[in-house]
Amino acid sequence: GDLWYFPPGQPHSIQAKNTTEDGAEFLLIFDSGSFSEDDTFLLTDWLAHVPKEILAKNFHVNASAFDHIPSRELYIFPSAPPPEDVETNMVIPNDTPIPFTYALSKVNATTLEGGSVKTADSRTFKASTTICAKEVTIQPGGLRELHWHPT
């Protein structure tokens, strides 16, 4: 899979493409051991608590534009897949000096006796300065060496 970095406090969403009929899996990782999804600020929850008249005035539209907003927060919900050309029609191009994406899927794995490993750390994924990731593939009968992380 690939990696994305979302700076703290930046609004964002994640949408699965229509590449497999089984959908997609996402592994969310945070550099704070005290993170809780209960502390996540979701737009749907916020909109559900703001009167439609205030939303209409803020966005300069008729209040009826908000007749179908959810009445509660949505965490994961069904949606139409994005168009096939979504990457070529992005709203904001990824022309940053330090990209917030890293194509780990395109990295050549280091082959070892019992499997292989791919690494993404601050040397390769510049935006991620506090977390590194490894994709470890263990062949049948292989064993990941016992280890610990003292820090």
C-alpha atoms as a PDB file:
ATOM      1  CA  GLY A   1       0.000   0.000   0.000  1.00  0.00           C
ATOM      2  CA  ASP A   2       0.877   3.653  -0.098  1.00  0.00           C
ATOM      3  CA  LEU A   3       1.267   6.207   2.677  1.00  0.00           C
ATOM      4  CA  TRP A   4      -0.318   9.602   3.301  1.00  0.00           C
ATOM      5  CA  TYR A   5       0.635  12.178   5.915  1.00  0.00           C
ATOM      6  CA  PHE A   6      -1.992  14.523   7.329  1.00  0.00           C
ATOM      7  CA  PRO A   7      -0.524  17.360   9.427  1.00  0.00           C
ATOM      8  CA  PRO A   8      -2.297  17.874  12.765  1.00  0.00           C
ATOM      9  CA  GLY A   9      -5.279  20.183  12.503  1.00  0.00           C
ATOM     10  CA  GLN A  10      -5.638  19.887   8.706  1.00  0.00           C
ATOM     11  CA  PRO A  11      -9.081  18.865   7.430  1.00  0.00           C
ATOM     12  CA  HIS A  12      -8.975  15.743   5.271  1.00  0.00           C
ATOM     13  CA  SER A  13     -10.943  12.702   4.181  1.00  0.00           C
ATOM     14  CA  ILE A  14     -10.077   9.284   2.823  1.00  0.00           C
ATOM     15  CA  GLN A  15     -12.073   7.681   0.019  1.00  0.00           C
ATOM     16  CA  ALA A  16     -11.629   4.204  -1.409  1.00  0.00           C
ATOM     17  CA  LYS A  17     -11.311   3.897  -5.162  1.00  0.00           C
ATOM     18  CA  ASN A  18     -13.336   1.362  -7.118  1.00  0.00           C
ATOM     19  CA  THR A  19     -10.308  -0.855  -7.832  1.00  0.00           C
ATOM     20  CA  THR A  20     -11.563  -4.000  -6.077  1.00  0.00           C
ATOM     21  CA  GLU A  21     -15.053  -5.227  -5.274  1.00  0.00           C
ATOM     22  CA  ASP A  22     -13.983  -5.757  -1.651  1.00  0.00           C
ATOM     23  CA  GLY A  23     -13.315  -2.048  -1.088  1.00  0.00           C
ATOM     24  CA  ALA A  24     -10.149  -0.971   0.684  1.00  0.00           C
ATOM     25  CA  GLU A  25      -8.390  -1.295   4.007  1.00  0.00           C
ATOM     26  CA  PHE A  26      -6.705   1.601   5.765  1.00  0.00           C
ATOM     27  CA  LEU A  27      -4.325   1.389   8.689  1.00  0.00           C
ATOM     28  CA  LEU A  28      -4.403   4.622  10.686  1.00  0.00           C
ATOM     29  CA  ILE A  29      -1.276   5.434  12.685  1.00  0.00           C
ATOM     30  CA  PHE A  30      -0.779   8.312  15.103  1.00  0.00           C
ATOM     31  CA  ASP A  31       2.371   9.472  16.852  1.00  0.00           C
ATOM     32  CA  SER A  32       0.471  10.068  20.084  1.00  0.00           C
ATOM     33  CA  GLY A  33      -0.308   7.132  22.322  1.00  0.00           C
ATOM     34  CA  SER A  34      -3.211   9.090  23.793  1.00  0.00           C
ATOM     35  CA  PHE A  35      -5.072   9.494  20.476  1.00  0.00           C
ATOM     36  CA  SER A  36      -8.738   8.534  20.529  1.00  0.00           C
ATOM     37  CA  GLU A  37     -11.273   8.680  17.717  1.00  0.00           C
ATOM     38  CA  ASP A  38     -13.563  10.248  20.339  1.00  0.00           C
ATOM     39  CA  ASP A  39     -11.368  13.366  20.080  1.00  0.00           C
ATOM     40  CA  THR A  40     -11.645  13.515  16.282  1.00  0.00           C
ATOM     41  CA  PHE A  41     -13.459  16.565  14.991  1.00  0.00           C
ATOM     42  CA  LEU A  42     -15.748  15.421  12.165  1.00  0.00           C
ATOM     43  CA  LEU A  43     -17.379  17.900   9.793  1.00  0.00           C
ATOM     44  CA  THR A  44     -20.662  15.966   9.785  1.00  0.00           C
ATOM     45  CA  ASP A  45     -20.913  16.245  13.565  1.00  0.00           C
ATOM     46  CA  TRP A  46     -20.209  19.974  13.469  1.00  0.00           C
ATOM     47  CA  LEU A  47     -22.735  20.639  10.672  1.00  0.00           C
ATOM     48  CA  ALA A  48     -25.401  18.660  12.538  1.00  0.00           C
ATOM     49  CA  HIS A  49     -25.193  21.163  15.413  1.00  0.00           C
ATOM     50  CA  VAL A  50     -25.193  24.431  13.439  1.00  0.00           C
ATOM     51  CA  PRO A  51     -28.599  25.872  12.489  1.00  0.00           C
ATOM     52  CA  LYS A  52     -29.270  25.719   8.734  1.00  0.00           C
ATOM     53  CA  GLU A  53     -29.924  29.469   8.681  1.00  0.00           C
ATOM     54  CA  ILE A  54     -26.418  30.134  10.002  1.00  0.00           C
ATOM     55  CA  LEU A  55     -24.875  27.718   7.477  1.00  0.00           C
ATOM     56  CA  ALA A  56     -26.842  29.408   4.679  1.00  0.00           C
ATOM     57  CA  LYS A  57     -25.669  32.864   5.725  1.00  0.00           C
ATOM     58  CA  ASN A  58     -22.058  31.704   6.039  1.00  0.00           C
ATOM     59  CA  PHE A  59     -21.960  29.978   2.635  1.00  0.00           C
ATOM     60  CA  HIS A  60     -24.212  32.553   0.870  1.00  0.00           C
ATOM     61  CA  VAL A  61     -26.782  29.963  -0.227  1.00  0.00           C
ATOM     62  CA  ASN A  62     -30.414  29.179   0.499  1.00  0.00           C
ATOM     63  CA  ALA A  63     -31.011  27.239   3.737  1.00  0.00           C
ATOM     64  CA  SER A  64     -32.638  24.448   1.710  1.00  0.00           C
ATOM     65  CA  ALA A  65     -29.138  23.589   0.422  1.00  0.00           C
ATOM     66  CA  PHE A  66     -28.626  21.923   3.812  1.00  0.00           C
ATOM     67  CA  ASP A  67     -31.874  19.926   3.927  1.00  0.00           C
ATOM     68  CA  HIS A  68     -30.026  16.644   3.431  1.00  0.00           C
ATOM     69  CA  ILE A  69     -27.040  17.007   5.738  1.00  0.00           C
ATOM     70  CA  PRO A  70     -26.728  14.142   8.236  1.00  0.00           C
ATOM     71  CA  SER A  71     -28.317  14.646  11.651  1.00  0.00           C
ATOM     72  CA  ARG A  72     -25.366  12.917  13.332  1.00  0.00           C
ATOM     73  CA  GLU A  73     -21.678  12.285  12.733  1.00  0.00           C
ATOM     74  CA  LEU A  74     -20.636   9.930   9.955  1.00  0.00           C
ATOM     75  CA  TYR A  75     -17.362   8.090  10.476  1.00  0.00           C
ATOM     76  CA  ILE A  76     -17.353   5.555   7.629  1.00  0.00           C
ATOM     77  CA  PHE A  77     -20.229   5.541   5.176  1.00  0.00           C
ATOM     78  CA  PRO A  78     -21.101   4.376   1.651  1.00  0.00           C
ATOM     79  CA  SER A  79     -20.384   6.719  -1.221  1.00  0.00           C
ATOM     80  CA  ALA A  80     -20.017   6.615  -4.968  1.00  0.00           C
ATOM     81  CA  PRO A  81     -16.428   5.847  -6.023  1.00  0.00           C
ATOM     82  CA  PRO A  82     -14.430   8.818  -7.311  1.00  0.00           C
ATOM     83  CA  PRO A  83     -14.120   9.202 -11.095  1.00  0.00           C
ATOM     84  CA  GLU A  84     -11.358   7.239 -12.831  1.00  0.00           C
ATOM     85  CA  ASP A  85      -9.483  10.459 -13.670  1.00  0.00           C
ATOM     86  CA  VAL A  86      -9.546  11.786 -10.086  1.00  0.00           C
ATOM     87  CA  GLU A  87      -5.736  11.876  -9.869  1.00  0.00           C
ATOM     88  CA  THR A  88      -5.399  14.004 -12.997  1.00  0.00           C
ATOM     89  CA  ASN A  89      -8.148  16.388 -11.855  1.00  0.00           C
ATOM     90  CA  MET A  90      -7.073  16.965  -8.247  1.00  0.00           C
ATOM     91  CA  VAL A  91      -8.240  20.186  -6.662  1.00  0.00           C
ATOM     92  CA  ILE A  92      -4.778  20.890  -5.250  1.00  0.00           C
ATOM     93  CA  PRO A  93      -1.755  19.609  -7.215  1.00  0.00           C
ATOM     94  CA  ASN A  94       0.953  17.861  -5.207  1.00  0.00           C
ATOM     95  CA  ASP A  95       3.753  20.298  -6.103  1.00  0.00           C
ATOM     96  CA  THR A  96       5.113  20.677  -2.587  1.00  0.00           C
ATOM     97  CA  PRO A  97       8.840  20.481  -1.806  1.00  0.00           C
ATOM     98  CA  ILE A  98       8.011  17.814   0.789  1.00  0.00           C
ATOM     99  CA  PRO A  99       5.186  15.594  -0.557  1.00  0.00           C
ATOM    100  CA  PHE A 100       2.539  14.323   1.852  1.00  0.00           C
ATOM    101  CA  THR A 101       2.292  11.009  -0.026  1.00  0.00           C
ATOM    102  CA  TYR A 102       4.742   8.151  -0.431  1.00  0.00           C
ATOM    103  CA  ALA A 103       4.285   5.286  -2.903  1.00  0.00           C
ATOM    104  CA  LEU A 104       5.497   2.405  -0.736  1.00  0.00           C
ATOM    105  CA  SER A 105       3.782   0.060  -3.210  1.00  0.00           C
ATOM    106  CA  LYS A 106       6.405   1.036  -5.802  1.00  0.00           C
ATOM    107  CA  VAL A 107       9.437   0.540  -3.535  1.00  0.00           C
ATOM    108  CA  ASN A 108      11.600  -2.502  -4.253  1.00  0.00           C
ATOM    109  CA  ALA A 109      11.532  -4.831  -1.272  1.00  0.00           C
ATOM    110  CA  THR A 110      14.734  -6.059   0.336  1.00  0.00           C
ATOM    111  CA  THR A 111      14.651  -9.851   0.069  1.00  0.00           C
ATOM    112  CA  LEU A 112      15.683 -11.810   3.166  1.00  0.00           C
ATOM    113  CA  GLU A 113      15.848 -15.536   3.956  1.00  0.00           C
ATOM    114  CA  GLY A 114      12.317 -15.734   5.380  1.00  0.00           C
ATOM    115  CA  GLY A 115      10.571 -13.011   3.384  1.00  0.00           C
ATOM    116  CA  SER A 116      11.045  -9.383   2.446  1.00  0.00           C
ATOM    117  CA  VAL A 117      10.802  -5.872   3.872  1.00  0.00           C
ATOM    118  CA  LYS A 118      10.074  -2.353   2.612  1.00  0.00           C
ATOM    119  CA  THR A 119      10.887   0.710   4.730  1.00  0.00           C
ATOM    120  CA  ALA A 120       9.522   4.254   4.804  1.00  0.00           C
ATOM    121  CA  ASP A 121      11.144   6.651   7.246  1.00  0.00           C
ATOM    122  CA  SER A 122      12.192  10.307   7.395  1.00  0.00           C
ATOM    123  CA  ARG A 123      14.983   9.608   4.890  1.00  0.00           C
ATOM    124  CA  THR A 124      12.536   8.444   2.221  1.00  0.00           C
ATOM    125  CA  PHE A 125       9.180   9.946   3.305  1.00  0.00           C
ATOM    126  CA  LYS A 126      10.291  13.440   4.307  1.00  0.00           C
ATOM    127  CA  ALA A 127       6.911  14.587   5.688  1.00  0.00           C
ATOM    128  CA  SER A 128       6.851  11.811   8.277  1.00  0.00           C
ATOM    129  CA  THR A 129       9.389  12.950  10.847  1.00  0.00           C
ATOM    130  CA  THR A 130       8.043  11.107  13.906  1.00  0.00           C
ATOM    131  CA  ILE A 131       6.902   7.758  12.492  1.00  0.00           C
ATOM    132  CA  CYS A 132       8.487   5.128  10.296  1.00  0.00           C
ATOM    133  CA  ALA A 133       6.731   2.206   8.651  1.00  0.00           C
ATOM    134  CA  LYS A 134       7.836  -1.219   7.484  1.00  0.00           C
ATOM    135  CA  GLU A 135       5.912  -3.582   5.276  1.00  0.00           C
ATOM    136  CA  VAL A 136       7.153  -7.000   6.327  1.00  0.00           C
ATOM    137  CA  THR A 137       6.196 -10.022   4.229  1.00  0.00           C
ATOM    138  CA  ILE A 138       6.893 -13.340   5.928  1.00  0.00           C
ATOM    139  CA  GLN A 139       6.976 -16.476   3.795  1.00  0.00           C
ATOM    140  CA  PRO A 140       5.218 -19.605   5.110  1.00  0.00           C
ATOM    141  CA  GLY A 141       7.439 -21.067   7.826  1.00  0.00           C
ATOM    142  CA  GLY A 142       9.280 -17.756   8.254  1.00  0.00           C
ATOM    143  CA  LEU A 143       9.586 -16.049  11.627  1.00  0.00           C
ATOM    144  CA  ARG A 144       9.938 -12.364  12.500  1.00  0.00           C
ATOM    145  CA  GLU A 145      12.897 -12.182  14.868  1.00  0.00           C
ATOM    146  CA  LEU A 146      11.984 -11.467  18.498  1.00  0.00           C
ATOM    147  CA  HIS A 147      12.652  -7.790  19.156  1.00  0.00           C
ATOM    148  CA  TRP A 148      11.628  -4.833  21.293  1.00  0.00           C
ATOM    149  CA  HIS A 149      11.510  -1.056  21.067  1.00  0.00           C
ATOM    150  CA  PRO A 150      12.991   0.519  24.219  1.00  0.00           C
ATOM    151  CA  THR A 151      12.091   4.080  23.190  1.00  0.00           C
END
